[in-house]
Amino acid sequence: MKRIDIRYDGEPYSIGNRSLDELIDEIERGIAGSPGGFWLEVNHGEGQPRPTFLRLTAQSDIALTPIPEPASTD
């Protein structure tokens, strides 16, 4: 997986070098383990991404879009 694009509150973010299943599991565990929510570290920006932290709760609207590695052209 190249990266996972994230939409949160209308803004684009991303996470690299993670599988979609791992990320979903982290989000589900984080929400279940903390009724007040938890902080998810993501990247914001292109080129030189800046670490950013999103507060996620059971009521958070979040979209995850996996972006696969480009196909090999060998």
PDB file of N, CA and C in Angstrom:
ATOM      1  N   MET A   1       0.849  -1.164   0.000  1.00  0.00           N
ATOM      2  CA  MET A   1       0.000   0.000   0.000  1.00  0.00           C
ATOM      3  C   MET A   1       0.896   1.229   0.000  1.00  0.00           C
ATOM      4  N   LYS A   2       0.699   2.100  -0.978  1.00  0.00           N
ATOM      5  CA  LYS A   2       1.489   3.321  -1.052  1.00  0.00           C
ATOM      6  C   LYS A   2       1.100   4.271   0.075  1.00  0.00           C
ATOM      7  N   ARG A   3      -0.200   4.528   0.186  1.00  0.00           N
ATOM      8  CA  ARG A   3      -0.692   5.388   1.256  1.00  0.00           C
ATOM      9  C   ARG A   3      -2.194   5.208   1.375  1.00  0.00           C
ATOM     10  N   ILE A   4      -2.749   5.791   2.418  1.00  0.00           N
ATOM     11  CA  ILE A   4      -4.197   5.818   2.589  1.00  0.00           C
ATOM     12  C   ILE A   4      -4.592   7.285   2.684  1.00  0.00           C
ATOM     13  N   ASP A   5      -5.418   7.728   1.761  1.00  0.00           N
ATOM     14  CA  ASP A   5      -5.932   9.091   1.809  1.00  0.00           C
ATOM     15  C   ASP A   5      -7.091   9.131   2.789  1.00  0.00           C
ATOM     16  N   ILE A   6      -7.167  10.219   3.535  1.00  0.00           N
ATOM     17  CA  ILE A   6      -8.183  10.393   4.566  1.00  0.00           C
ATOM     18  C   ILE A   6      -8.882  11.717   4.346  1.00  0.00           C
ATOM     19  N   ARG A   7     -10.196  11.721   4.452  1.00  0.00           N
ATOM     20  CA  ARG A   7     -10.988  12.955   4.453  1.00  0.00           C
ATOM     21  C   ARG A   7     -11.586  13.080   5.840  1.00  0.00           C
ATOM     22  N   TYR A   8     -11.309  14.218   6.475  1.00  0.00           N
ATOM     23  CA  TYR A   8     -11.798  14.467   7.829  1.00  0.00           C
ATOM     24  C   TYR A   8     -12.204  15.929   7.880  1.00  0.00           C
ATOM     25  N   ASP A   9     -13.454  16.183   8.205  1.00  0.00           N
ATOM     26  CA  ASP A   9     -13.973  17.548   8.282  1.00  0.00           C
ATOM     27  C   ASP A   9     -13.714  18.317   6.989  1.00  0.00           C
ATOM     28  N   GLY A  10     -13.817  17.611   5.861  1.00  0.00           N
ATOM     29  CA  GLY A  10     -13.661  18.236   4.551  1.00  0.00           C
ATOM     30  C   GLY A  10     -12.225  18.480   4.118  1.00  0.00           C
ATOM     31  N   GLU A  11     -11.261  18.126   4.947  1.00  0.00           N
ATOM     32  CA  GLU A  11      -9.849  18.359   4.641  1.00  0.00           C
ATOM     33  C   GLU A  11      -9.153  17.051   4.270  1.00  0.00           C
ATOM     34  N   PRO A  12      -8.163  17.118   3.354  1.00  0.00           N
ATOM     35  CA  PRO A  12      -7.418  15.904   2.987  1.00  0.00           C
ATOM     36  C   PRO A  12      -6.212  15.675   3.889  1.00  0.00           C
ATOM     37  N   TYR A  13      -6.018  14.421   4.262  1.00  0.00           N
ATOM     38  CA  TYR A  13      -4.871  13.981   5.050  1.00  0.00           C
ATOM     39  C   TYR A  13      -4.427  12.648   4.462  1.00  0.00           C
ATOM     40  N   SER A  14      -3.307  12.114   4.947  1.00  0.00           N
ATOM     41  CA  SER A  14      -2.867  10.804   4.463  1.00  0.00           C
ATOM     42  C   SER A  14      -2.029  10.104   5.527  1.00  0.00           C
ATOM     43  N   ILE A  15      -1.889   8.797   5.337  1.00  0.00           N
ATOM     44  CA  ILE A  15      -1.017   7.955   6.158  1.00  0.00           C
ATOM     45  C   ILE A  15      -0.272   7.046   5.185  1.00  0.00           C
ATOM     46  N   GLY A  16       1.032   6.956   5.340  1.00  0.00           N
ATOM     47  CA  GLY A  16       1.826   6.104   4.454  1.00  0.00           C
ATOM     48  C   GLY A  16       2.287   4.833   5.133  1.00  0.00           C
ATOM     49  N   ASN A  17       2.623   3.862   4.314  1.00  0.00           N
ATOM     50  CA  ASN A  17       3.224   2.605   4.771  1.00  0.00           C
ATOM     51  C   ASN A  17       2.395   1.863   5.812  1.00  0.00           C
ATOM     52  N   ARG A  18       1.100   1.870   5.652  1.00  0.00           N
ATOM     53  CA  ARG A  18       0.191   1.125   6.537  1.00  0.00           C
ATOM     54  C   ARG A  18      -0.809   0.391   5.660  1.00  0.00           C
ATOM     55  N   SER A  19      -1.311  -0.724   6.152  1.00  0.00           N
ATOM     56  CA  SER A  19      -2.380  -1.407   5.429  1.00  0.00           C
ATOM     57  C   SER A  19      -3.720  -0.828   5.882  1.00  0.00           C
ATOM     58  N   LEU A  20      -4.696  -0.925   5.028  1.00  0.00           N
ATOM     59  CA  LEU A  20      -6.032  -0.443   5.363  1.00  0.00           C
ATOM     60  C   LEU A  20      -6.577  -1.198   6.570  1.00  0.00           C
ATOM     61  N   ASP A  21      -6.368  -2.512   6.615  1.00  0.00           N
ATOM     62  CA  ASP A  21      -6.853  -3.318   7.745  1.00  0.00           C
ATOM     63  C   ASP A  21      -6.220  -2.870   9.060  1.00  0.00           C
ATOM     64  N   GLU A  22      -4.916  -2.585   9.045  1.00  0.00           N
ATOM     65  CA  GLU A  22      -4.232  -2.114  10.256  1.00  0.00           C
ATOM     66  C   GLU A  22      -4.826  -0.790  10.740  1.00  0.00           C
ATOM     67  N   LEU A  23      -5.059   0.119   9.808  1.00  0.00           N
ATOM     68  CA  LEU A  23      -5.584   1.429  10.169  1.00  0.00           C
ATOM     69  C   LEU A  23      -7.006   1.328  10.720  1.00  0.00           C
ATOM     70  N   ILE A  24      -7.843   0.548  10.064  1.00  0.00           N
ATOM     71  CA  ILE A  24      -9.217   0.370  10.554  1.00  0.00           C
ATOM     72  C   ILE A  24      -9.195  -0.239  11.951  1.00  0.00           C
ATOM     73  N   ASP A  25      -8.332  -1.231  12.160  1.00  0.00           N
ATOM     74  CA  ASP A  25      -8.226  -1.855  13.479  1.00  0.00           C
ATOM     75  C   ASP A  25      -7.784  -0.832  14.531  1.00  0.00           C
ATOM     76  N   GLU A  26      -6.797   0.004  14.201  1.00  0.00           N
ATOM     77  CA  GLU A  26      -6.333   1.033  15.145  1.00  0.00           C
ATOM     78  C   GLU A  26      -7.456   2.004  15.497  1.00  0.00           C
ATOM     79  N   ILE A  27      -8.218   2.430  14.494  1.00  0.00           N
ATOM     80  CA  ILE A  27      -9.324   3.361  14.734  1.00  0.00           C
ATOM     81  C   ILE A  27     -10.392   2.707  15.609  1.00  0.00           C
ATOM     82  N   GLU A  28     -10.780   1.489  15.275  1.00  0.00           N
ATOM     83  CA  GLU A  28     -11.811   0.797  16.057  1.00  0.00           C
ATOM     84  C   GLU A  28     -11.365   0.572  17.498  1.00  0.00           C
ATOM     85  N   ARG A  29     -10.102   0.145  17.708  1.00  0.00           N
ATOM     86  CA  ARG A  29      -9.587  -0.067  19.058  1.00  0.00           C
ATOM     87  C   ARG A  29      -9.496   1.252  19.820  1.00  0.00           C
ATOM     88  N   GLY A  30      -9.057   2.306  19.144  1.00  0.00           N
ATOM     89  CA  GLY A  30      -8.928   3.608  19.785  1.00  0.00           C
ATOM     90  C   GLY A  30     -10.260   4.154  20.259  1.00  0.00           C
ATOM     91  N   ILE A  31     -11.280   4.020  19.423  1.00  0.00           N
ATOM     92  CA  ILE A  31     -12.611   4.507  19.798  1.00  0.00           C
ATOM     93  C   ILE A  31     -13.205   3.645  20.910  1.00  0.00           C
ATOM     94  N   ALA A  32     -13.056   2.324  20.806  1.00  0.00           N
ATOM     95  CA  ALA A  32     -13.609   1.425  21.826  1.00  0.00           C
ATOM     96  C   ALA A  32     -12.900   1.605  23.168  1.00  0.00           C
ATOM     97  N   GLY A  33     -11.613   1.896  23.142  1.00  0.00           N
ATOM     98  CA  GLY A  33     -10.839   1.990  24.369  1.00  0.00           C
ATOM     99  C   GLY A  33     -10.913   3.335  25.065  1.00  0.00           C
ATOM    100  N   SER A  34     -11.481   4.320  24.407  1.00  0.00           N
ATOM    101  CA  SER A  34     -11.533   5.651  25.001  1.00  0.00           C
ATOM    102  C   SER A  34     -12.842   6.323  24.611  1.00  0.00           C
ATOM    103  N   PRO A  35     -13.840   6.292  25.489  1.00  0.00           N
ATOM    104  CA  PRO A  35     -15.151   6.862  25.161  1.00  0.00           C
ATOM    105  C   PRO A  35     -15.084   8.324  24.711  1.00  0.00           C
ATOM    106  N   GLY A  36     -14.077   9.060  25.176  1.00  0.00           N
ATOM    107  CA  GLY A  36     -13.929  10.462  24.772  1.00  0.00           C
ATOM    108  C   GLY A  36     -13.201  10.632  23.465  1.00  0.00           C
ATOM    109  N   GLY A  37     -12.782   9.535  22.855  1.00  0.00           N
ATOM    110  CA  GLY A  37     -12.061   9.588  21.588  1.00  0.00           C
ATOM    111  C   GLY A  37     -10.565   9.417  21.785  1.00  0.00           C
ATOM    112  N   PHE A  38      -9.835   9.458  20.682  1.00  0.00           N
ATOM    113  CA  PHE A  38      -8.385   9.318  20.719  1.00  0.00           C
ATOM    114  C   PHE A  38      -7.789  10.125  19.576  1.00  0.00           C
ATOM    115  N   TRP A  39      -6.483  10.315  19.614  1.00  0.00           N
ATOM    116  CA  TRP A  39      -5.768  11.084  18.597  1.00  0.00           C
ATOM    117  C   TRP A  39      -5.112  10.139  17.592  1.00  0.00           C
ATOM    118  N   LEU A  40      -5.376  10.376  16.307  1.00  0.00           N
ATOM    119  CA  LEU A  40      -4.773   9.597  15.231  1.00  0.00           C
ATOM    120  C   LEU A  40      -3.751  10.474  14.525  1.00  0.00           C
ATOM    121  N   GLU A  41      -2.498  10.000  14.450  1.00  0.00           N
ATOM    122  CA  GLU A  41      -1.460  10.769  13.756  1.00  0.00           C
ATOM    123  C   GLU A  41      -1.548  10.525  12.254  1.00  0.00           C
ATOM    124  N   VAL A  42      -1.605  11.599  11.497  1.00  0.00           N
ATOM    125  CA  VAL A  42      -1.698  11.563  10.042  1.00  0.00           C
ATOM    126  C   VAL A  42      -0.726  12.598   9.484  1.00  0.00           C
ATOM    127  N   ASN A  43      -0.661  12.708   8.166  1.00  0.00           N
ATOM    128  CA  ASN A  43       0.128  13.743   7.493  1.00  0.00           C
ATOM    129  C   ASN A  43      -0.812  14.733   6.826  1.00  0.00           C
ATOM    130  N   HIS A  44      -0.396  15.983   6.810  1.00  0.00           N
ATOM    131  CA  HIS A  44      -1.165  17.031   6.135  1.00  0.00           C
ATOM    132  C   HIS A  44      -0.222  17.748   5.186  1.00  0.00           C
ATOM    133  N   GLY A  45      -0.688  17.985   3.975  1.00  0.00           N
ATOM    134  CA  GLY A  45       0.122  18.686   2.989  1.00  0.00           C
ATOM    135  C   GLY A  45       0.772  17.728   2.012  1.00  0.00           C
ATOM    136  N   GLU A  46       1.276  18.299   0.937  1.00  0.00           N
ATOM    137  CA  GLU A  46       1.948  17.509  -0.092  1.00  0.00           C
ATOM    138  C   GLU A  46       3.399  17.941  -0.182  1.00  0.00           C
ATOM    139  N   GLY A  47       4.233  17.085  -0.733  1.00  0.00           N
ATOM    140  CA  GLY A  47       5.648  17.397  -0.848  1.00  0.00           C
ATOM    141  C   GLY A  47       6.352  17.167   0.481  1.00  0.00           C
ATOM    142  N   GLN A  48       6.209  18.092   1.384  1.00  0.00           N
ATOM    143  CA  GLN A  48       6.796  17.990   2.726  1.00  0.00           C
ATOM    144  C   GLN A  48       5.652  17.889   3.722  1.00  0.00           C
ATOM    145  N   PRO A  49       5.124  16.667   3.940  1.00  0.00           N
ATOM    146  CA  PRO A  49       3.977  16.529   4.837  1.00  0.00           C
ATOM    147  C   PRO A  49       4.312  16.939   6.270  1.00  0.00           C
ATOM    148  N   ARG A  50       3.314  17.490   6.928  1.00  0.00           N
ATOM    149  CA  ARG A  50       3.451  17.891   8.330  1.00  0.00           C
ATOM    150  C   ARG A  50       2.656  16.931   9.202  1.00  0.00           C
ATOM    151  N   PRO A  51       3.276  16.386  10.259  1.00  0.00           N
ATOM    152  CA  PRO A  51       2.514  15.533  11.170  1.00  0.00           C
ATOM    153  C   PRO A  51       1.342  16.324  11.760  1.00  0.00           C
ATOM    154  N   THR A  52       0.182  15.701  11.757  1.00  0.00           N
ATOM    155  CA  THR A  52      -1.049  16.319  12.244  1.00  0.00           C
ATOM    156  C   THR A  52      -1.804  15.268  13.038  1.00  0.00           C
ATOM    157  N   PHE A  53      -2.551  15.702  14.034  1.00  0.00           N
ATOM    158  CA  PHE A  53      -3.283  14.769  14.879  1.00  0.00           C
ATOM    159  C   PHE A  53      -4.774  15.067  14.785  1.00  0.00           C
ATOM    160  N   LEU A  54      -5.549  14.025  14.436  1.00  0.00           N
ATOM    161  CA  LEU A  54      -7.005  14.141  14.326  1.00  0.00           C
ATOM    162  C   LEU A  54      -7.643  13.512  15.549  1.00  0.00           C
ATOM    163  N   ARG A  55      -8.586  14.215  16.141  1.00  0.00           N
ATOM    164  CA  ARG A  55      -9.333  13.678  17.281  1.00  0.00           C
ATOM    165  C   ARG A  55     -10.496  12.870  16.729  1.00  0.00           C
ATOM    166  N   LEU A  56     -10.514  11.565  16.981  1.00  0.00           N
ATOM    167  CA  LEU A  56     -11.572  10.685  16.478  1.00  0.00           C
ATOM    168  C   LEU A  56     -12.422  10.186  17.640  1.00  0.00           C
ATOM    169  N   THR A  57     -13.732  10.221  17.440  1.00  0.00           N
ATOM    170  CA  THR A  57     -14.694   9.698  18.400  1.00  0.00           C
ATOM    171  C   THR A  57     -15.655   8.791  17.632  1.00  0.00           C
ATOM    172  N   ALA A  58     -16.573   8.182  18.344  1.00  0.00           N
ATOM    173  CA  ALA A  58     -17.568   7.329  17.692  1.00  0.00           C
ATOM    174  C   ALA A  58     -18.445   8.128  16.735  1.00  0.00           C
ATOM    175  N   GLN A  59     -18.525   9.436  16.908  1.00  0.00           N
ATOM    176  CA  GLN A  59     -19.362  10.283  16.051  1.00  0.00           C
ATOM    177  C   GLN A  59     -18.580  10.908  14.892  1.00  0.00           C
ATOM    178  N   SER A  60     -17.284  10.658  14.793  1.00  0.00           N
ATOM    179  CA  SER A  60     -16.462  11.256  13.737  1.00  0.00           C
ATOM    180  C   SER A  60     -16.833  10.691  12.375  1.00  0.00           C
ATOM    181  N   ASP A  61     -16.921  11.591  11.404  1.00  0.00           N
ATOM    182  CA  ASP A  61     -17.090  11.178  10.013  1.00  0.00           C
ATOM    183  C   ASP A  61     -15.714  11.197   9.369  1.00  0.00           C
ATOM    184  N   ILE A  62     -15.300  10.040   8.870  1.00  0.00           N
ATOM    185  CA  ILE A  62     -13.971   9.916   8.280  1.00  0.00           C
ATOM    186  C   ILE A  62     -14.079   8.985   7.073  1.00  0.00           C
ATOM    187  N   ALA A  63     -13.384   9.337   6.008  1.00  0.00           N
ATOM    188  CA  ALA A  63     -13.354   8.495   4.812  1.00  0.00           C
ATOM    189  C   ALA A  63     -11.920   8.036   4.591  1.00  0.00           C
ATOM    190  N   LEU A  64     -11.733   6.759   4.298  1.00  0.00           N
ATOM    191  CA  LEU A  64     -10.423   6.169   4.045  1.00  0.00           C
ATOM    192  C   LEU A  64     -10.384   5.651   2.612  1.00  0.00           C
ATOM    193  N   THR A  65      -9.385   6.076   1.840  1.00  0.00           N
ATOM    194  CA  THR A  65      -9.239   5.633   0.455  1.00  0.00           C
ATOM    195  C   THR A  65      -7.846   5.051   0.271  1.00  0.00           C
ATOM    196  N   PRO A  66      -7.731   3.720   0.116  1.00  0.00           N
ATOM    197  CA  PRO A  66      -6.413   3.124  -0.106  1.00  0.00           C
ATOM    198  C   PRO A  66      -5.883   3.467  -1.499  1.00  0.00           C
ATOM    199  N   ILE A  67      -4.620   3.887  -1.556  1.00  0.00           N
ATOM    200  CA  ILE A  67      -3.942   4.205  -2.824  1.00  0.00           C
ATOM    201  C   ILE A  67      -2.844   3.165  -3.001  1.00  0.00           C
ATOM    202  N   PRO A  68      -3.015   2.228  -3.930  1.00  0.00           N
ATOM    203  CA  PRO A  68      -2.022   1.156  -4.094  1.00  0.00           C
ATOM    204  C   PRO A  68      -0.756   1.650  -4.786  1.00  0.00           C
ATOM    205  N   GLU A  69       0.290   0.857  -4.638  1.00  0.00           N
ATOM    206  CA  GLU A  69       1.529   1.123  -5.365  1.00  0.00           C
ATOM    207  C   GLU A  69       1.235   1.033  -6.868  1.00  0.00           C
ATOM    208  N   PRO A  70       1.911   1.834  -7.676  1.00  0.00           N
ATOM    209  CA  PRO A  70       1.715   1.705  -9.122  1.00  0.00           C
ATOM    210  C   PRO A  70       2.113   0.323  -9.603  1.00  0.00           C
ATOM    211  N   ALA A  71       1.419  -0.160 -10.612  1.00  0.00           N
ATOM    212  CA  ALA A  71       1.726  -1.483 -11.180  1.00  0.00           C
ATOM    213  C   ALA A  71       3.100  -1.451 -11.818  1.00  0.00           C
ATOM    214  N   SER A  72       3.837  -2.522 -11.676  1.00  0.00           N
ATOM    215  CA  SER A  72       5.168  -2.632 -12.270  1.00  0.00           C
ATOM    216  C   SER A  72       5.051  -2.702 -13.779  1.00  0.00           C
ATOM    217  N   THR A  73       5.976  -2.049 -14.476  1.00  0.00           N
ATOM    218  CA  THR A  73       5.963  -2.056 -15.948  1.00  0.00           C
ATOM    219  C   THR A  73       7.165  -2.807 -16.481  1.00  0.00           C
ATOM    220  N   ASP A  74       7.553  -3.892 -15.792  1.00  0.00           N
ATOM    221  CA  ASP A  74       8.717  -4.680 -16.214  1.00  0.00           C
ATOM    222  C   ASP A  74       8.521  -5.293 -17.554  1.00  0.00           C
TER     223      ASP A  74
END
